[in-house]
């Protein structure tokens, strides 16, 4: 069975999702499909990507400061209408796998640690960034993502590299606190100036060419993946909840920048309350408003306090989409065949299922309500022994 990487948007979301399942078998299946070692939070995203972008000194400043630095970069991309898509996701997960490998190589306190475990987080961040630096970011992340593992030969090289980096940090810090030393960009520069030889050409099947690196970056920026991008944007907007958006519709009326959009914002709040689809204008205005709130550190709780709405459960549209995306072509055929045989779907349900399956297979835009309804329909087949 394929496993998923679970993004915990808010603290405790994983446990809450698990507790909502009523039977032990459902909970067991959820844990098998979403193992806890593949759970990550937003600060992890910032950590993995900043390490990949050769900024271990920012990662060493702690989760909060590192995340703020990361969001500034992301906001600049959003302003240019550059949204993360499938390529970003693959890069993120591959970096997560690499990070966990290096973290394990450092070892555990009083068991197999290569040194002082108080220095573990700094050593791991610097080691992985140093690997990327030495190899010009040419490690094949796609290969790691597809195989969900790191080649044993690369692991062996990392085992030697982490020892080298650890001793270099200890030596170069000149008895000062490494926790402070590692935060400096000059410390990262000093490591880059070291003459460490890593002949990665001998592992050519684990690395890609510079041209391929550039091609993948261009694809990340220019790929026409409206379905993925739309759903990620919609998911972010919906994730703030109905109470927030109801509050925003009142709050924004007094904000000069959004006065002209007051009707549009009210419409967004109304659609979220009624579980209706958001259009492209809704998404653009919603993203602009969220960016304004985040950039100006405006309290979300203060905005929610303006609403009398009762908070309802937020549906993770992107997670549902990803779940449907994992269904193979042959399994879709089973769904349609069983639906035809049992007549468990009405005509509208069957039509929606076929439409969603077609859109997913062609990476076409699909409406969020259709995605939710497709999963509801498929769940009807559990009693016939089909469970996806």
Protein backbone atom coordinates (compact mmCIF):
# COMPACT_ATOMS: atom_id res chain seq x y z
CA UNK A 1 0.00 0.00 0.00
CA UNK A 2 1.27 3.47 -0.90
CA UNK A 3 1.98 5.78 2.02
CA UNK A 4 1.39 9.54 2.18
CA UNK A 5 3.32 12.43 3.69
CA UNK A 6 0.99 14.15 6.14
CA UNK A 7 1.20 17.94 6.39
CA UNK A 8 -0.05 18.99 9.83
CA UNK A 9 -1.29 22.54 9.18
CA UNK A 10 -2.07 23.15 12.86
CA UNK A 11 -0.76 21.43 15.98
CA UNK A 12 -2.74 18.28 16.83
CA UNK A 13 -4.39 17.97 13.39
CA UNK A 14 -2.97 14.47 12.82
CA UNK A 15 -4.35 13.18 16.13
CA UNK A 16 -7.67 14.89 15.50
CA UNK A 17 -7.96 13.27 12.05
CA UNK A 18 -7.18 9.88 13.61
CA UNK A 19 -9.72 10.29 16.43
CA UNK A 20 -12.49 11.11 13.97
CA UNK A 21 -12.29 7.55 12.61
CA UNK A 22 -14.74 5.41 14.54
CA UNK A 23 -13.39 1.86 14.19
CA UNK A 24 -9.97 0.35 15.09
CA UNK A 25 -9.55 -0.93 11.52
CA UNK A 26 -10.10 2.57 10.08
CA UNK A 27 -7.60 4.04 12.53
CA UNK A 28 -5.07 1.31 11.72
CA UNK A 29 -5.44 1.93 7.99
CA UNK A 30 -5.01 5.69 8.52
CA UNK A 31 -1.79 5.16 10.49
CA UNK A 32 -0.49 2.72 7.88
CA UNK A 33 -1.20 5.18 5.09
CA UNK A 34 0.01 8.21 7.08
CA UNK A 35 2.93 6.97 9.22
CA UNK A 36 3.99 9.39 11.96
CA UNK A 37 7.57 9.48 10.65
CA UNK A 38 6.15 11.04 7.46
CA UNK A 39 4.31 13.82 9.27
CA UNK A 40 5.67 17.35 8.94
CA UNK A 41 4.67 20.90 9.89
CA UNK A 42 5.18 24.32 8.28
CA UNK A 43 8.45 24.97 10.15
CA UNK A 44 9.79 21.71 8.66
CA UNK A 45 8.96 22.97 5.16
CA UNK A 46 11.00 26.13 5.83
CA UNK A 47 13.86 24.05 7.25
CA UNK A 48 14.07 21.59 4.35
CA UNK A 49 13.85 24.23 1.62
CA UNK A 50 16.27 26.70 3.24
CA UNK A 51 18.81 23.89 3.64
CA UNK A 52 18.35 23.07 -0.05
CA UNK A 53 18.85 26.74 -0.90
CA UNK A 54 22.18 26.71 0.99
CA UNK A 55 21.12 28.71 4.03
CA UNK A 56 21.99 26.48 7.02
CA UNK A 57 22.90 29.59 9.05
CA UNK A 58 19.25 30.72 8.87
CA UNK A 59 18.05 27.23 9.84
CA UNK A 60 20.40 27.39 12.84
CA UNK A 61 18.65 30.53 14.09
CA UNK A 62 15.68 28.46 15.22
CA UNK A 63 12.30 27.44 13.80
CA UNK A 64 10.55 30.80 14.17
CA UNK A 65 13.26 33.06 12.67
CA UNK A 66 13.94 30.54 9.92
CA UNK A 67 10.24 30.36 9.04
CA UNK A 68 9.94 34.16 8.87
CA UNK A 69 12.92 34.27 6.51
CA UNK A 70 11.33 31.54 4.37
CA UNK A 71 7.91 33.24 4.17
CA UNK A 72 9.52 36.47 2.97
CA UNK A 73 10.96 34.58 0.01
CA UNK A 74 7.67 32.82 -0.68
CA UNK A 75 5.71 36.08 -0.55
CA UNK A 76 8.00 37.54 -3.19
CA UNK A 77 7.27 34.57 -5.45
CA UNK A 78 3.53 34.85 -4.84
CA UNK A 79 3.63 38.52 -5.84
CA UNK A 80 5.07 37.35 -9.16
CA UNK A 81 2.26 34.76 -9.48
CA UNK A 82 4.71 31.90 -9.00
CA UNK A 83 2.98 29.21 -6.96
CA UNK A 84 4.39 25.86 -5.79
CA UNK A 85 3.16 22.85 -7.73
CA UNK A 86 4.03 19.19 -8.16
CA UNK A 87 7.73 19.88 -8.72
CA UNK A 88 7.99 21.80 -5.45
CA UNK A 89 6.22 18.98 -3.64
CA UNK A 90 8.66 16.36 -4.99
CA UNK A 91 11.61 18.56 -4.07
CA UNK A 92 10.22 19.07 -0.57
CA UNK A 93 9.62 15.38 0.13
CA UNK A 94 13.02 14.34 -1.27
CA UNK A 95 14.67 16.91 0.99
CA UNK A 96 12.68 15.60 3.95
CA UNK A 97 13.93 12.06 3.22
CA UNK A 98 17.53 13.27 2.96
CA UNK A 99 17.22 15.26 6.18
CA UNK A 100 15.94 12.25 8.10
CA UNK A 101 18.82 10.13 6.78
CA UNK A 102 21.45 12.66 7.92
CA UNK A 103 19.69 13.16 11.26
CA UNK A 104 19.82 9.40 11.85
CA UNK A 105 23.50 9.27 10.85
CA UNK A 106 24.39 11.68 13.67
CA UNK A 107 23.12 9.09 16.15
CA UNK A 108 21.46 9.18 19.56
CA UNK A 109 22.70 10.41 22.90
CA UNK A 110 24.57 7.78 24.96
CA UNK A 111 24.02 5.19 22.22
CA UNK A 112 25.73 5.85 18.88
CA UNK A 113 26.16 9.63 18.55
CA UNK A 114 29.21 10.87 16.63
CA UNK A 115 29.58 13.74 19.11
CA UNK A 116 27.76 16.12 21.43
CA UNK A 117 24.04 15.75 20.64
CA UNK A 118 23.48 19.40 21.65
CA UNK A 119 25.18 20.20 18.34
CA UNK A 120 23.10 17.75 16.32
CA UNK A 121 20.63 20.17 14.68
CA UNK A 122 23.40 22.53 13.53
CA UNK A 123 25.57 19.69 12.23
CA UNK A 124 22.72 18.10 10.28
CA UNK A 125 21.70 21.40 8.64
CA UNK A 126 25.27 22.28 7.69
CA UNK A 127 26.07 18.76 6.46
CA UNK A 128 23.12 18.61 4.10
CA UNK A 129 23.65 22.12 2.74
CA UNK A 130 27.34 21.29 2.30
CA UNK A 131 26.42 18.19 0.28
CA UNK A 132 24.24 20.35 -1.96
CA UNK A 133 27.02 22.93 -2.26
CA UNK A 134 29.68 20.36 -3.14
CA UNK A 135 27.46 18.81 -5.80
CA UNK A 136 25.99 22.04 -7.26
CA UNK A 137 22.49 20.98 -6.15
CA UNK A 138 22.68 18.23 -8.75
CA UNK A 139 21.51 15.32 -6.60
CA UNK A 140 18.56 13.64 -8.31
CA UNK A 141 15.68 14.56 -6.01
CA UNK A 142 13.18 12.98 -8.40
CA UNK A 143 14.91 9.60 -8.02
CA UNK A 144 14.79 9.93 -4.21
CA UNK A 145 11.12 10.92 -4.34
CA UNK A 146 10.12 8.05 -6.64
CA UNK A 147 12.07 5.44 -4.63
CA UNK A 148 11.31 7.07 -1.25
CA UNK A 149 14.87 6.34 -0.13
CA UNK A 150 18.47 7.53 -0.56
CA UNK A 151 20.93 5.36 -2.48
CA UNK A 152 23.19 3.41 -0.08
CA UNK A 153 26.34 4.82 -1.75
CA UNK A 154 25.22 8.38 -1.03
CA UNK A 155 24.41 7.39 2.55
CA UNK A 156 27.99 6.11 2.92
CA UNK A 157 29.34 9.43 1.66
CA UNK A 158 27.07 11.33 4.03
CA UNK A 159 28.35 9.23 6.91
CA UNK A 160 31.87 10.52 6.25
CA UNK A 161 30.70 14.05 5.48
CA UNK A 162 28.76 14.53 8.72
CA UNK A 163 31.82 13.59 10.81
CA UNK A 164 33.92 16.08 8.84
CA UNK A 165 31.36 18.88 9.27
CA UNK A 166 30.94 18.19 12.99
CA UNK A 167 34.66 18.46 13.68
CA UNK A 168 34.98 21.53 11.44
CA UNK A 169 32.22 23.33 13.39
CA UNK A 170 33.82 22.44 16.72
CA UNK A 171 37.29 23.49 15.55
CA UNK A 172 36.26 26.71 13.81
CA UNK A 173 34.09 27.98 16.66
CA UNK A 174 37.24 28.45 18.80
CA UNK A 175 35.50 27.33 22.01
CA UNK A 176 32.66 29.85 21.54
CA UNK A 177 29.05 28.66 21.72
CA UNK A 178 28.40 26.69 18.54
CA UNK A 179 24.70 27.53 18.89
CA UNK A 180 25.69 31.17 18.24
CA UNK A 181 28.54 30.42 15.85
CA UNK A 182 26.27 28.41 13.51
CA UNK A 183 23.86 31.36 13.10
CA UNK A 184 26.45 33.46 11.27
CA UNK A 185 26.70 33.53 7.50
CA UNK A 186 30.49 33.82 7.92
CA UNK A 187 30.49 30.36 9.54
CA UNK A 188 28.78 28.89 6.49
CA UNK A 189 31.26 30.67 4.22
CA UNK A 190 34.15 29.22 6.23
CA UNK A 191 32.83 25.68 5.70
CA UNK A 192 32.43 26.29 1.97
CA UNK A 193 36.09 27.36 1.83
CA UNK A 194 37.20 23.98 3.18
CA UNK A 195 38.94 21.73 0.66
CA UNK A 196 36.68 18.66 0.97
CA UNK A 197 36.82 16.31 -2.00
CA UNK A 198 33.62 14.54 -2.99
CA UNK A 199 33.86 12.84 -6.37
CA UNK A 200 30.18 12.55 -7.06
CA UNK A 201 30.76 11.81 -10.77
CA UNK A 202 31.38 8.18 -9.79
CA UNK A 203 27.71 8.02 -8.75
CA UNK A 204 26.42 9.52 -12.00
CA UNK A 205 23.10 7.67 -11.78
CA UNK A 206 22.33 9.54 -8.55
CA UNK A 207 22.93 13.00 -10.01
CA UNK A 208 21.60 15.06 -12.88
CA UNK A 209 23.28 17.54 -15.22
CA UNK A 210 23.29 21.31 -14.70
CA UNK A 211 21.01 21.59 -17.74
CA UNK A 212 18.50 19.24 -16.10
CA UNK A 213 18.65 21.27 -12.90
CA UNK A 214 17.79 24.44 -14.82
CA UNK A 215 15.07 22.67 -16.82
CA UNK A 216 13.38 21.47 -13.64
CA UNK A 217 13.49 24.94 -12.12
CA UNK A 218 11.95 26.42 -15.26
CA UNK A 219 9.30 23.73 -15.21
CA UNK A 220 8.56 24.56 -11.59
CA UNK A 221 7.97 28.17 -12.52
CA UNK A 222 6.22 27.75 -15.84
CA UNK A 223 4.42 24.42 -15.75
CA UNK A 224 0.73 24.77 -16.65
CA UNK A 225 -0.68 22.91 -13.68
CA UNK A 226 -3.80 24.87 -12.92
CA UNK A 227 -5.46 22.05 -11.05
CA UNK A 228 -2.63 21.68 -8.51
CA UNK A 229 -2.09 25.43 -8.12
CA UNK A 230 -5.79 26.22 -7.79
CA UNK A 231 -6.36 23.55 -5.19
CA UNK A 232 -3.34 24.61 -3.13
CA UNK A 233 -4.57 28.21 -3.16
CA UNK A 234 -8.15 27.19 -2.38
CA UNK A 235 -6.92 24.89 0.39
CA UNK A 236 -5.04 27.76 2.00
CA UNK A 237 -8.07 30.06 1.80
CA UNK A 238 -10.47 27.45 3.18
CA UNK A 239 -7.97 26.52 5.88
CA UNK A 240 -8.61 29.78 7.74
CA UNK A 241 -12.20 28.67 8.35
CA UNK A 242 -15.66 30.16 8.02
CA UNK A 243 -15.43 32.20 11.24
CA UNK A 244 -12.27 33.95 10.02
CA UNK A 245 -13.76 34.85 6.64
CA UNK A 246 -16.98 36.09 8.20
CA UNK A 247 -14.86 38.30 10.47
CA UNK A 248 -12.74 39.45 7.52
CA UNK A 249 -15.84 40.57 5.63
CA UNK A 250 -16.51 43.02 8.49
CA UNK A 251 -12.87 43.93 9.25
CA UNK A 252 -11.92 44.70 5.63
CA UNK A 253 -14.62 47.37 5.30
CA UNK A 254 -12.43 49.68 7.38
CA UNK A 255 -9.20 48.88 5.52
CA UNK A 256 -8.58 51.38 2.71
CA UNK A 257 -6.80 48.87 0.50
CA UNK A 258 -9.77 46.48 0.51
CA UNK A 259 -12.79 48.80 0.62
CA UNK A 260 -13.39 48.43 -3.10
CA UNK A 261 -13.39 44.64 -2.69
CA UNK A 262 -15.82 44.57 0.23
CA UNK A 263 -18.58 42.94 -1.85
CA UNK A 264 -16.16 40.36 -3.23
CA UNK A 265 -14.88 39.50 0.25
CA UNK A 266 -18.41 39.15 1.55
CA UNK A 267 -19.09 36.81 -1.39
CA UNK A 268 -16.04 34.69 -0.51
CA UNK A 269 -17.24 34.43 3.10
CA UNK A 270 -20.72 33.47 1.90
CA UNK A 271 -19.38 30.78 -0.46
CA UNK A 272 -17.19 29.28 2.28
CA UNK A 273 -20.15 29.22 4.67
CA UNK A 274 -22.33 27.46 2.05
CA UNK A 275 -19.51 25.15 0.81
CA UNK A 276 -19.65 26.58 -2.70
CA UNK A 277 -16.86 26.66 -5.27
CA UNK A 278 -14.47 29.63 -5.37
CA UNK A 279 -13.73 31.19 -8.76
CA UNK A 280 -10.41 32.64 -9.96
CA UNK A 281 -11.32 36.17 -8.78
CA UNK A 282 -12.18 34.82 -5.32
CA UNK A 283 -8.81 33.07 -5.17
CA UNK A 284 -6.85 36.15 -6.28
CA UNK A 285 -8.59 38.46 -3.77
CA UNK A 286 -8.39 35.86 -1.00
CA UNK A 287 -4.64 35.39 -1.53
CA UNK A 288 -4.06 39.15 -1.60
CA UNK A 289 -5.96 39.63 1.65
CA UNK A 290 -4.15 36.76 3.41
CA UNK A 291 -0.75 38.13 2.31
CA UNK A 292 -1.71 41.56 3.71
CA UNK A 293 -2.70 40.03 7.06
CA UNK A 294 0.47 37.89 7.29
CA UNK A 295 2.84 40.68 6.25
CA UNK A 296 1.36 43.08 8.79
CA UNK A 297 1.18 40.50 11.61
CA UNK A 298 -2.54 41.12 12.10
CA UNK A 299 -4.09 38.87 14.73
CA UNK A 300 -6.31 36.17 13.24
CA UNK A 301 -8.05 35.74 16.60
CA UNK A 302 -8.94 39.45 16.61
CA UNK A 303 -10.54 39.07 13.17
CA UNK A 304 -12.43 35.96 14.27
CA UNK A 305 -13.77 37.83 17.29
CA UNK A 306 -15.74 40.06 14.90
CA UNK A 307 -17.81 37.07 13.81
CA UNK A 308 -20.77 35.40 15.51
CA UNK A 309 -20.43 32.32 13.32
CA UNK A 310 -19.87 28.89 14.85
CA UNK A 311 -16.57 27.41 13.64
CA UNK A 312 -17.13 24.37 11.44
CA UNK A 313 -14.64 21.68 10.49
CA UNK A 314 -12.22 22.64 7.71
CA UNK A 315 -12.06 20.14 4.86
CA UNK A 316 -8.56 19.56 3.48
CA UNK A 317 -9.33 19.70 -0.25
CA UNK A 318 -5.74 19.12 -1.35
CA UNK A 319 -5.42 16.01 0.84
CA UNK A 320 -8.59 14.58 -0.74
CA UNK A 321 -7.29 15.41 -4.22
CA UNK A 322 -3.96 13.71 -3.45
CA UNK A 323 -5.82 10.68 -2.13
CA UNK A 324 -7.87 10.42 -5.35
CA UNK A 325 -4.71 10.91 -7.39
CA UNK A 326 -3.23 7.74 -5.84
CA UNK A 327 -6.05 5.61 -7.26
CA UNK A 328 -4.70 3.65 -10.22
CA UNK A 329 -6.40 3.43 -13.61
CA UNK A 330 -7.39 -0.20 -12.97
CA UNK A 331 -8.88 0.71 -9.57
CA UNK A 332 -10.92 3.49 -11.19
CA UNK A 333 -12.28 0.84 -13.56
CA UNK A 334 -13.25 -1.30 -10.57
CA UNK A 335 -15.07 1.68 -9.04
CA UNK A 336 -17.06 2.35 -12.21
CA UNK A 337 -17.79 -1.35 -12.81
CA UNK A 338 -18.99 -1.94 -9.25
CA UNK A 339 -21.03 1.25 -9.39
CA UNK A 340 -22.74 0.04 -12.56
CA UNK A 341 -23.38 -3.43 -11.14
CA UNK A 342 -24.75 -2.33 -7.77
CA UNK A 343 -26.46 0.89 -8.96
CA UNK A 344 -25.12 2.48 -5.75
CA UNK A 345 -24.40 5.74 -7.58
CA UNK A 346 -27.11 7.87 -9.12
CA UNK A 347 -26.48 9.39 -12.56
CA UNK A 348 -25.11 12.67 -11.17
CA UNK A 349 -22.67 10.85 -8.85
CA UNK A 350 -21.40 8.61 -11.64
CA UNK A 351 -21.04 11.56 -13.99
CA UNK A 352 -19.11 13.50 -11.31
CA UNK A 353 -16.79 10.55 -10.60
CA UNK A 354 -15.95 10.13 -14.28
CA UNK A 355 -15.41 13.86 -14.68
CA UNK A 356 -13.08 14.05 -11.65
CA UNK A 357 -11.11 10.98 -12.75
CA UNK A 358 -10.65 12.45 -16.22
CA UNK A 359 -9.56 15.85 -14.83
CA UNK A 360 -7.03 14.25 -12.46
CA UNK A 361 -5.56 12.03 -15.19
CA UNK A 362 -5.08 15.06 -17.47
CA UNK A 363 -4.02 17.48 -14.69
CA UNK A 364 -6.97 19.70 -15.58
CA UNK A 365 -8.70 22.13 -13.24
CA UNK A 366 -11.26 20.44 -11.01
CA UNK A 367 -13.76 22.14 -8.70
CA UNK A 368 -13.31 21.59 -4.99
CA UNK A 369 -16.93 20.55 -4.35
CA UNK A 370 -16.62 17.91 -7.08
CA UNK A 371 -13.50 16.52 -5.40
CA UNK A 372 -15.25 16.25 -2.03
CA UNK A 373 -18.34 14.63 -3.58
CA UNK A 374 -16.18 12.13 -5.48
CA UNK A 375 -14.61 10.88 -2.25
CA UNK A 376 -18.04 10.64 -0.59
CA UNK A 377 -19.25 8.49 -3.48
CA UNK A 378 -16.21 6.19 -3.36
CA UNK A 379 -16.66 5.67 0.38
CA UNK A 380 -20.01 4.02 -0.40
CA UNK A 381 -18.07 1.09 -1.86
CA UNK A 382 -16.43 0.15 1.46
CA UNK A 383 -19.25 -2.27 2.25
CA UNK A 384 -18.40 -4.13 -0.96
CA UNK A 385 -14.80 -4.58 0.09
CA UNK A 386 -13.30 -1.68 -1.88
CA UNK A 387 -11.44 0.88 0.21
CA UNK A 388 -9.14 3.52 -1.26
